[in-house]
N, C-alpha and C. Protein backbone atom coordinates (compact mmCIF):
# COMPACT_ATOMS: atom_id res chain seq x y z
N UNK A 1 51.71 -6.22 -37.76
CA UNK A 1 50.85 -7.04 -38.93
C UNK A 1 50.82 -6.18 -40.24
N UNK A 2 50.41 -4.98 -40.08
CA UNK A 2 50.53 -3.80 -40.75
C UNK A 2 52.06 -3.92 -42.18
N UNK A 3 52.87 -4.05 -41.30
CA UNK A 3 54.44 -4.23 -42.11
C UNK A 3 54.27 -5.51 -42.99
N UNK A 4 53.84 -6.34 -42.66
CA UNK A 4 53.90 -8.03 -42.97
C UNK A 4 53.46 -7.59 -44.46
N UNK A 5 51.73 -6.58 -44.25
CA UNK A 5 51.06 -6.94 -45.17
C UNK A 5 51.36 -6.02 -46.12
N UNK A 6 51.86 -4.83 -46.11
CA UNK A 6 52.29 -3.93 -47.15
C UNK A 6 54.08 -4.61 -48.23
N UNK A 7 54.34 -5.48 -46.77
CA UNK A 7 55.26 -6.06 -47.80
C UNK A 7 54.88 -6.92 -49.03
N UNK A 8 53.66 -7.42 -49.25
CA UNK A 8 52.91 -8.06 -49.70
C UNK A 8 52.45 -7.22 -50.82
N UNK A 9 52.33 -6.09 -51.05
CA UNK A 9 52.08 -5.23 -51.98
C UNK A 9 50.81 -4.14 -51.59
N UNK A 10 49.97 -4.42 -50.53
CA UNK A 10 49.13 -3.59 -50.44
C UNK A 10 49.59 -2.51 -49.39
N UNK A 11 48.91 -1.40 -49.85
CA UNK A 11 49.26 0.15 -49.62
C UNK A 11 49.27 0.58 -48.09
N UNK A 12 47.95 -0.25 -47.92
CA UNK A 12 47.56 0.24 -46.17
C UNK A 12 47.19 -0.62 -45.70
N UNK A 13 46.79 -0.61 -44.11
CA UNK A 13 45.71 -1.60 -43.51
C UNK A 13 44.99 -1.13 -42.87
N UNK A 14 44.04 -1.21 -43.13
CA UNK A 14 42.77 -0.73 -41.38
C UNK A 14 42.07 -1.83 -40.61
N UNK A 15 42.43 -1.36 -39.72
CA UNK A 15 41.93 -2.10 -38.37
C UNK A 15 41.00 -0.79 -37.72
N UNK A 16 40.00 -1.25 -37.03
CA UNK A 16 39.03 -0.87 -36.22
C UNK A 16 39.77 -0.96 -34.82
N UNK A 17 39.88 -0.02 -33.61
CA UNK A 17 40.39 -0.36 -32.32
C UNK A 17 39.26 -0.19 -31.72
N UNK A 18 38.23 -0.13 -31.65
CA UNK A 18 36.67 0.21 -30.98
C UNK A 18 36.50 -1.72 -30.28
N UNK A 19 35.50 -1.25 -29.44
CA UNK A 19 34.88 -2.66 -29.19
C UNK A 19 33.49 -2.39 -29.84
N UNK A 20 32.90 -3.58 -29.66
CA UNK A 20 31.54 -3.82 -30.74
C UNK A 20 30.32 -2.87 -30.18
N UNK A 21 30.52 -2.61 -28.77
CA UNK A 21 29.61 -1.51 -27.97
C UNK A 21 29.45 -0.19 -28.19
N UNK A 22 31.01 0.39 -28.93
CA UNK A 22 31.16 1.50 -29.04
C UNK A 22 30.76 2.16 -30.12
N UNK A 23 29.76 1.70 -30.69
CA UNK A 23 28.86 2.42 -31.54
C UNK A 23 29.83 3.11 -32.93
N UNK A 24 30.91 2.80 -33.69
CA UNK A 24 31.93 3.48 -34.09
C UNK A 24 31.33 3.54 -35.88
N UNK A 25 32.03 4.31 -36.29
CA UNK A 25 31.34 4.18 -37.21
C UNK A 25 32.47 3.43 -38.67
N UNK A 26 33.48 3.14 -38.05
CA UNK A 26 34.28 2.22 -38.65
C UNK A 26 34.84 0.55 -38.32
N UNK A 27 33.64 0.12 -37.24
CA UNK A 27 33.80 -1.49 -37.10
C UNK A 27 32.69 -1.65 -38.14
N UNK A 28 33.22 -2.98 -39.02
CA UNK A 28 32.35 -3.17 -40.22
C UNK A 28 31.29 -4.17 -39.11
N UNK A 29 30.16 -4.40 -40.12
CA UNK A 29 29.81 -4.37 -41.70
C UNK A 29 29.22 -2.67 -41.70
N UNK A 30 30.04 -1.54 -40.59
CA UNK A 30 29.98 -0.03 -41.10
C UNK A 30 31.22 0.18 -42.26
N UNK A 31 30.98 1.00 -42.89
CA UNK A 31 31.80 1.27 -44.05
C UNK A 31 32.97 2.38 -43.63
N UNK A 32 33.34 2.55 -42.45
CA UNK A 32 33.98 3.91 -42.08
C UNK A 32 35.08 4.08 -42.57
N UNK A 33 36.21 2.43 -42.11
CA UNK A 33 37.16 2.24 -42.98
C UNK A 33 37.22 2.16 -44.59
N UNK A 34 36.24 1.97 -45.31
CA UNK A 34 36.37 1.87 -46.60
C UNK A 34 36.34 3.64 -47.54
N UNK A 35 35.29 4.32 -46.65
CA UNK A 35 35.06 5.59 -47.20
C UNK A 35 36.74 6.36 -46.79
N UNK A 36 37.32 5.96 -45.70
CA UNK A 36 38.46 6.43 -44.81
C UNK A 36 40.22 6.42 -46.07
N UNK A 37 39.87 4.61 -46.62
CA UNK A 37 40.48 4.81 -47.80
C UNK A 37 40.45 5.38 -48.90
N UNK A 38 38.86 5.33 -49.39
CA UNK A 38 38.61 5.93 -50.93
C UNK A 38 39.04 7.32 -50.44
N UNK A 39 38.95 8.29 -49.67
CA UNK A 39 38.97 9.30 -49.57
C UNK A 39 40.52 9.81 -50.09
N UNK A 40 41.33 8.64 -49.42
CA UNK A 40 42.47 8.83 -48.75
C UNK A 40 43.57 8.50 -50.39
N UNK A 41 42.83 7.47 -51.21
CA UNK A 41 43.47 7.03 -52.02
C UNK A 41 42.74 7.41 -53.42
N UNK A 42 41.76 8.29 -53.17
CA UNK A 42 40.63 8.51 -54.17
C UNK A 42 40.22 7.53 -55.05
N UNK A 43 39.90 6.31 -54.73
CA UNK A 43 39.39 4.92 -55.22
C UNK A 43 37.56 5.08 -55.57
N UNK A 44 37.97 4.58 -56.64
CA UNK A 44 36.42 4.12 -56.91
C UNK A 44 35.89 3.20 -56.39
N UNK A 45 35.01 3.33 -55.29
CA UNK A 45 35.38 1.15 -54.32
C UNK A 45 34.26 0.19 -55.16
N UNK A 46 34.00 0.66 -56.30
CA UNK A 46 33.16 -0.34 -56.59
C UNK A 46 34.02 -0.82 -57.77
N UNK A 47 35.79 -0.55 -58.32
CA UNK A 47 36.59 -1.52 -58.52
C UNK A 47 37.76 -1.73 -57.87
N UNK A 48 37.18 -1.98 -56.29
CA UNK A 48 38.06 -2.11 -55.23
C UNK A 48 37.61 -3.93 -54.92
N UNK A 49 38.63 -4.27 -54.27
CA UNK A 49 37.84 -5.87 -53.78
C UNK A 49 38.44 -6.04 -52.26
N UNK A 50 37.32 -6.28 -51.55
CA UNK A 50 37.51 -6.66 -49.88
C UNK A 50 37.45 -8.00 -49.53
N UNK A 51 38.51 -8.18 -49.07
CA UNK A 51 38.89 -9.77 -48.88
C UNK A 51 38.79 -9.73 -47.45
N UNK A 52 38.03 -10.44 -47.04
CA UNK A 52 37.46 -10.92 -45.36
C UNK A 52 37.20 -12.14 -45.13
N UNK A 53 37.38 -12.61 -43.86
CA UNK A 53 37.26 -13.72 -43.10
C UNK A 53 36.11 -14.04 -42.26
N UNK A 54 35.18 -12.45 -42.24
CA UNK A 54 34.10 -12.55 -41.77
C UNK A 54 32.88 -12.17 -42.56
N UNK A 55 31.58 -12.55 -42.19
CA UNK A 55 30.22 -12.46 -42.58
C UNK A 55 29.91 -10.24 -42.40
N UNK A 56 30.99 -10.25 -41.64
CA UNK A 56 30.77 -8.58 -41.69
C UNK A 56 31.74 -7.64 -42.32
N UNK A 57 32.55 -8.26 -42.92
CA UNK A 57 33.81 -7.84 -44.26
C UNK A 57 33.07 -7.53 -45.37
N UNK A 58 31.93 -8.60 -45.93
CA UNK A 58 31.64 -8.74 -46.60
C UNK A 58 30.32 -8.23 -46.75
N UNK A 59 29.65 -7.98 -45.74
CA UNK A 59 28.52 -7.11 -46.04
C UNK A 59 28.86 -5.56 -46.02
N UNK A 60 29.86 -5.04 -45.47
CA UNK A 60 30.26 -4.11 -45.73
C UNK A 60 30.92 -3.47 -47.29
N UNK A 61 31.04 -4.50 -48.24
CA UNK A 61 31.69 -4.41 -49.22
C UNK A 61 30.45 -4.11 -49.87
N UNK A 62 29.70 -5.13 -49.62
CA UNK A 62 28.36 -5.01 -50.41
C UNK A 62 28.08 -3.54 -50.23
N UNK A 63 27.71 -2.87 -49.06
CA UNK A 63 27.26 -1.64 -48.77
C UNK A 63 27.89 -0.35 -49.95
N UNK A 64 28.82 -1.21 -50.15
CA UNK A 64 29.73 0.44 -51.07
C UNK A 64 29.85 -0.30 -52.39
N UNK A 65 29.35 -1.94 -52.84
CA UNK A 65 29.25 -1.84 -54.16
C UNK A 65 30.65 -2.41 -54.75
N UNK A 66 31.85 -3.19 -53.62
CA UNK A 66 33.29 -3.42 -54.08
C UNK A 66 33.08 -4.56 -54.25
N UNK A 67 33.66 -5.53 -54.90
CA UNK A 67 33.86 -6.82 -55.16
C UNK A 67 34.39 -7.84 -53.56
N UNK A 68 33.70 -8.72 -53.50
CA UNK A 68 33.64 -9.74 -52.14
C UNK A 68 34.49 -10.75 -52.63
N UNK A 69 35.37 -11.09 -51.52
CA UNK A 69 35.76 -12.42 -51.38
C UNK A 69 35.59 -13.03 -49.99
N UNK A 70 35.34 -13.98 -49.76
CA UNK A 70 35.17 -14.23 -48.28
C UNK A 70 36.16 -15.93 -48.21
N UNK A 71 36.98 -15.75 -47.61
CA UNK A 71 38.75 -16.14 -47.32
C UNK A 71 37.86 -17.11 -46.37
N UNK A 72 38.16 -18.45 -46.71
CA UNK A 72 37.09 -19.66 -45.72
C UNK A 72 38.53 -20.23 -44.92
N UNK A 73 38.97 -19.35 -43.83
CA UNK A 73 40.01 -20.33 -43.45
C UNK A 73 39.74 -18.85 -42.20
N UNK A 74 40.38 -19.49 -40.80
CA UNK A 74 40.31 -18.37 -39.31
C UNK A 74 38.61 -18.04 -39.45
N UNK A 75 38.26 -17.14 -39.04
CA UNK A 75 36.68 -16.72 -38.78
C UNK A 75 35.91 -17.41 -39.79
N UNK A 76 36.33 -17.34 -41.15
CA UNK A 76 35.50 -17.47 -42.45
C UNK A 76 35.40 -19.14 -42.41
N UNK A 77 35.54 -19.75 -42.16
CA UNK A 77 35.20 -21.48 -42.08
C UNK A 77 34.15 -21.36 -41.29
N UNK A 78 33.68 -20.81 -40.29
CA UNK A 78 32.27 -20.79 -39.63
C UNK A 78 31.01 -20.07 -40.33
N UNK A 79 31.99 -19.29 -41.71
CA UNK A 79 30.62 -18.13 -41.92
C UNK A 79 29.97 -18.95 -43.07
N UNK A 80 28.64 -18.58 -43.32
CA UNK A 80 28.09 -19.91 -43.94
C UNK A 80 27.20 -18.87 -45.06
N UNK A 81 26.80 -19.30 -46.07
CA UNK A 81 26.07 -18.56 -47.43
C UNK A 81 24.80 -17.95 -46.24
N UNK A 82 24.09 -18.27 -45.82
CA UNK A 82 23.17 -18.58 -45.25
C UNK A 82 22.87 -16.96 -44.33
N UNK A 83 23.94 -16.84 -43.51
CA UNK A 83 24.16 -15.65 -42.76
C UNK A 83 24.90 -14.54 -43.37
N UNK A 84 25.79 -14.63 -44.52
CA UNK A 84 25.67 -13.94 -45.47
C UNK A 84 24.72 -12.97 -46.13
N UNK A 85 24.06 -13.87 -46.87
CA UNK A 85 22.51 -13.35 -47.54
C UNK A 85 21.75 -12.91 -46.75
N UNK A 86 21.42 -12.94 -45.80
CA UNK A 86 20.35 -12.61 -44.40
C UNK A 86 20.80 -11.38 -43.63
């Protein structure tokens, strides 16, 4: 999957390999992957866009002040604004 996305102009792709119960810092809504990308590429996360199809993507983006885009396909179809806000 990462090679396909890099073909569309993405510099990198980050995927959490952990299960929900493992308590890692990279599984969203934790911000570990965003911080890793920030450090690797010297990013200002407030000028970055996080595109996701789950409420946890949007919450993580909000925690670091990034621009948020919820894609309403796949898992995003069942995400509601009430879930995102609360």
